[in-house]
């Protein structure tokens, strides 16, 4: 559901946005508690949505580069440049995801990709 429609939908239905997000009419004494729960659920949803979009983007980029590498191999062309771009791009994505999540495993992956990126650059010199 498009979150920008929640306010209009709540006005049409005559309920609060919090009631819609909770899926029930909330008693006055539990409004604050339910609001906090809904905020946490929305932040988790946005986090998972971001991860999903990022993963799809990475997979599409990798697929395109793999197709280019295969084409280069079939045509007997040099493909080190494409591989280097793949490692560089992946390093940037992993570093960006690390900045969002502070997960050290992502930082380790970013450094591995940076090392591979540098190794491929050196091997083409």
C-alpha atoms as a PDB file:
ATOM      1  CA  UNK A   1       0.000   0.000   0.000  1.00  0.00           C
ATOM      2  CA  UNK A   2       1.163   3.520  -0.758  1.00  0.00           C
ATOM      3  CA  UNK A   3       1.747   5.122   2.659  1.00  0.00           C
ATOM      4  CA  UNK A   4       0.901   8.580   1.320  1.00  0.00           C
ATOM      5  CA  UNK A   5      -2.731   7.452   1.001  1.00  0.00           C
ATOM      6  CA  UNK A   6      -3.126   6.603   4.691  1.00  0.00           C
ATOM      7  CA  UNK A   7      -4.237  10.093   5.763  1.00  0.00           C
ATOM      8  CA  UNK A   8      -6.896  10.316   3.036  1.00  0.00           C
ATOM      9  CA  UNK A   9      -8.079   6.776   3.739  1.00  0.00           C
ATOM     10  CA  UNK A  10      -8.367   7.510   7.453  1.00  0.00           C
ATOM     11  CA  UNK A  11     -10.492  10.581   6.729  1.00  0.00           C
ATOM     12  CA  UNK A  12     -12.773   8.628   4.371  1.00  0.00           C
ATOM     13  CA  UNK A  13     -13.217   5.791   6.870  1.00  0.00           C
ATOM     14  CA  UNK A  14     -13.517   8.094   9.880  1.00  0.00           C
ATOM     15  CA  UNK A  15     -10.751   6.365  11.821  1.00  0.00           C
ATOM     16  CA  UNK A  16      -7.196   7.287  12.718  1.00  0.00           C
ATOM     17  CA  UNK A  17      -4.130   6.302  10.720  1.00  0.00           C
ATOM     18  CA  UNK A  18      -3.054   4.366  13.790  1.00  0.00           C
ATOM     19  CA  UNK A  19      -6.312   2.354  13.654  1.00  0.00           C
ATOM     20  CA  UNK A  20      -5.653   1.467  10.012  1.00  0.00           C
ATOM     21  CA  UNK A  21      -2.064   0.401  10.713  1.00  0.00           C
ATOM     22  CA  UNK A  22      -3.168  -1.668  13.709  1.00  0.00           C
ATOM     23  CA  UNK A  23      -6.059  -3.267  11.854  1.00  0.00           C
ATOM     24  CA  UNK A  24      -8.439  -2.514  14.703  1.00  0.00           C
ATOM     25  CA  UNK A  25     -10.109   0.349  16.527  1.00  0.00           C
ATOM     26  CA  UNK A  26      -7.713   1.283  19.315  1.00  0.00           C
ATOM     27  CA  UNK A  27      -9.066   2.184  22.764  1.00  0.00           C
ATOM     28  CA  UNK A  28      -7.993   5.610  24.042  1.00  0.00           C
ATOM     29  CA  UNK A  29      -5.854   4.135  26.821  1.00  0.00           C
ATOM     30  CA  UNK A  30      -3.730   2.103  24.363  1.00  0.00           C
ATOM     31  CA  UNK A  31      -3.183   4.711  21.631  1.00  0.00           C
ATOM     32  CA  UNK A  32       0.372   5.580  22.679  1.00  0.00           C
ATOM     33  CA  UNK A  33       1.413   1.924  23.000  1.00  0.00           C
ATOM     34  CA  UNK A  34      -0.072   0.975  19.600  1.00  0.00           C
ATOM     35  CA  UNK A  35       1.471   4.069  17.983  1.00  0.00           C
ATOM     36  CA  UNK A  36       4.922   2.999  19.110  1.00  0.00           C
ATOM     37  CA  UNK A  37       4.339  -0.549  17.846  1.00  0.00           C
ATOM     38  CA  UNK A  38       3.181   0.774  14.470  1.00  0.00           C
ATOM     39  CA  UNK A  39       6.192   3.072  14.131  1.00  0.00           C
ATOM     40  CA  UNK A  40       8.525   0.141  14.794  1.00  0.00           C
ATOM     41  CA  UNK A  41       6.660  -2.040  12.267  1.00  0.00           C
ATOM     42  CA  UNK A  42       6.835   0.713   9.625  1.00  0.00           C
ATOM     43  CA  UNK A  43      10.568   1.243  10.180  1.00  0.00           C
ATOM     44  CA  UNK A  44      11.168  -2.517   9.869  1.00  0.00           C
ATOM     45  CA  UNK A  45       9.061  -2.589   6.697  1.00  0.00           C
ATOM     46  CA  UNK A  46      11.038   0.304   5.186  1.00  0.00           C
ATOM     47  CA  UNK A  47      14.307  -1.376   6.152  1.00  0.00           C
ATOM     48  CA  UNK A  48      13.320  -4.663   4.478  1.00  0.00           C
ATOM     49  CA  UNK A  49      12.015  -2.803   1.442  1.00  0.00           C
ATOM     50  CA  UNK A  50      15.353  -0.991   1.132  1.00  0.00           C
ATOM     51  CA  UNK A  51      17.275  -4.250   1.424  1.00  0.00           C
ATOM     52  CA  UNK A  52      15.057  -5.906  -1.178  1.00  0.00           C
ATOM     53  CA  UNK A  53      15.458  -3.068  -3.677  1.00  0.00           C
ATOM     54  CA  UNK A  54      19.218  -2.974  -3.098  1.00  0.00           C
ATOM     55  CA  UNK A  55      19.511  -6.724  -3.560  1.00  0.00           C
ATOM     56  CA  UNK A  56      17.506  -6.646  -6.792  1.00  0.00           C
ATOM     57  CA  UNK A  57      19.676  -3.788  -8.061  1.00  0.00           C
ATOM     58  CA  UNK A  58      22.872  -5.710  -7.259  1.00  0.00           C
ATOM     59  CA  UNK A  59      21.574  -8.898  -8.887  1.00  0.00           C
ATOM     60  CA  UNK A  60      20.529  -7.071 -12.062  1.00  0.00           C
ATOM     61  CA  UNK A  61      23.888  -5.290 -12.269  1.00  0.00           C
ATOM     62  CA  UNK A  62      25.771  -8.549 -11.734  1.00  0.00           C
ATOM     63  CA  UNK A  63      23.638 -10.327 -14.350  1.00  0.00           C
ATOM     64  CA  UNK A  64      24.327  -7.584 -16.901  1.00  0.00           C
ATOM     65  CA  UNK A  65      28.059  -7.693 -16.235  1.00  0.00           C
ATOM     66  CA  UNK A  66      28.108 -11.511 -16.432  1.00  0.00           C
ATOM     67  CA  UNK A  67      26.335 -11.331 -19.794  1.00  0.00           C
ATOM     68  CA  UNK A  68      28.922  -8.811 -20.990  1.00  0.00           C
ATOM     69  CA  UNK A  69      31.764 -11.043 -19.750  1.00  0.00           C
ATOM     70  CA  UNK A  70      30.288 -14.107 -21.492  1.00  0.00           C
ATOM     71  CA  UNK A  71      29.845 -12.091 -24.688  1.00  0.00           C
ATOM     72  CA  UNK A  72      33.460 -10.911 -24.397  1.00  0.00           C
ATOM     73  CA  UNK A  73      34.688 -14.475 -23.954  1.00  0.00           C
ATOM     74  CA  UNK A  74      32.676 -15.701 -26.951  1.00  0.00           C
ATOM     75  CA  UNK A  75      34.017 -12.894 -29.125  1.00  0.00           C
ATOM     76  CA  UNK A  76      37.530 -13.477 -27.687  1.00  0.00           C
ATOM     77  CA  UNK A  77      37.702  -9.967 -26.247  1.00  0.00           C
ATOM     78  CA  UNK A  78      39.395  -8.761 -23.077  1.00  0.00           C
ATOM     79  CA  UNK A  79      37.032  -8.874 -20.052  1.00  0.00           C
ATOM     80  CA  UNK A  80      39.265  -7.759 -17.164  1.00  0.00           C
ATOM     81  CA  UNK A  81      37.760  -4.288 -17.321  1.00  0.00           C
ATOM     82  CA  UNK A  82      34.230  -5.592 -16.785  1.00  0.00           C
ATOM     83  CA  UNK A  83      35.319  -7.769 -13.896  1.00  0.00           C
ATOM     84  CA  UNK A  84      37.104  -4.826 -12.328  1.00  0.00           C
ATOM     85  CA  UNK A  85      33.965  -2.725 -12.661  1.00  0.00           C
ATOM     86  CA  UNK A  86      31.930  -5.496 -11.045  1.00  0.00           C
ATOM     87  CA  UNK A  87      34.242  -5.654  -8.020  1.00  0.00           C
ATOM     88  CA  UNK A  88      34.369  -1.866  -7.723  1.00  0.00           C
ATOM     89  CA  UNK A  89      30.607  -1.502  -7.954  1.00  0.00           C
ATOM     90  CA  UNK A  90      30.039  -4.285  -5.429  1.00  0.00           C
ATOM     91  CA  UNK A  91      32.519  -2.703  -3.007  1.00  0.00           C
ATOM     92  CA  UNK A  92      30.641   0.603  -3.151  1.00  0.00           C
ATOM     93  CA  UNK A  93      27.292  -1.123  -2.566  1.00  0.00           C
ATOM     94  CA  UNK A  94      28.592  -3.144   0.381  1.00  0.00           C
ATOM     95  CA  UNK A  95      30.153  -0.034   1.927  1.00  0.00           C
ATOM     96  CA  UNK A  96      26.905   1.912   1.505  1.00  0.00           C
ATOM     97  CA  UNK A  97      24.933  -0.921   3.131  1.00  0.00           C
ATOM     98  CA  UNK A  98      27.480  -0.998   5.978  1.00  0.00           C
ATOM     99  CA  UNK A  99      26.918   2.732   6.563  1.00  0.00           C
ATOM    100  CA  UNK A 100      23.159   2.061   6.833  1.00  0.00           C
ATOM    101  CA  UNK A 101      23.283  -1.045   9.051  1.00  0.00           C
ATOM    102  CA  UNK A 102      26.637  -0.876  10.889  1.00  0.00           C
ATOM    103  CA  UNK A 103      27.038  -4.603  10.222  1.00  0.00           C
ATOM    104  CA  UNK A 104      30.756  -5.450  10.263  1.00  0.00           C
ATOM    105  CA  UNK A 105      30.218  -8.393   7.909  1.00  0.00           C
ATOM    106  CA  UNK A 106      29.195  -5.915   5.203  1.00  0.00           C
ATOM    107  CA  UNK A 107      32.342  -3.891   5.845  1.00  0.00           C
ATOM    108  CA  UNK A 108      34.419  -7.072   5.524  1.00  0.00           C
ATOM    109  CA  UNK A 109      32.719  -7.837   2.187  1.00  0.00           C
ATOM    110  CA  UNK A 110      33.399  -4.287   1.011  1.00  0.00           C
ATOM    111  CA  UNK A 111      37.106  -4.620   1.822  1.00  0.00           C
ATOM    112  CA  UNK A 112      37.289  -7.985   0.059  1.00  0.00           C
ATOM    113  CA  UNK A 113      35.780  -6.404  -3.057  1.00  0.00           C
ATOM    114  CA  UNK A 114      38.183  -3.448  -2.816  1.00  0.00           C
ATOM    115  CA  UNK A 115      41.152  -5.841  -2.603  1.00  0.00           C
ATOM    116  CA  UNK A 116      39.844  -7.787  -5.615  1.00  0.00           C
ATOM    117  CA  UNK A 117      39.267  -4.499  -7.446  1.00  0.00           C
ATOM    118  CA  UNK A 118      42.862  -3.391  -6.818  1.00  0.00           C
ATOM    119  CA  UNK A 119      44.220  -6.834  -7.752  1.00  0.00           C
ATOM    120  CA  UNK A 120      42.415  -6.756 -11.096  1.00  0.00           C
ATOM    121  CA  UNK A 121      43.649  -3.234 -11.809  1.00  0.00           C
ATOM    122  CA  UNK A 122      47.218  -4.280 -11.045  1.00  0.00           C
ATOM    123  CA  UNK A 123      46.889  -7.412 -13.201  1.00  0.00           C
ATOM    124  CA  UNK A 124      45.866  -5.347 -16.229  1.00  0.00           C
ATOM    125  CA  UNK A 125      48.871  -3.026 -15.999  1.00  0.00           C
END
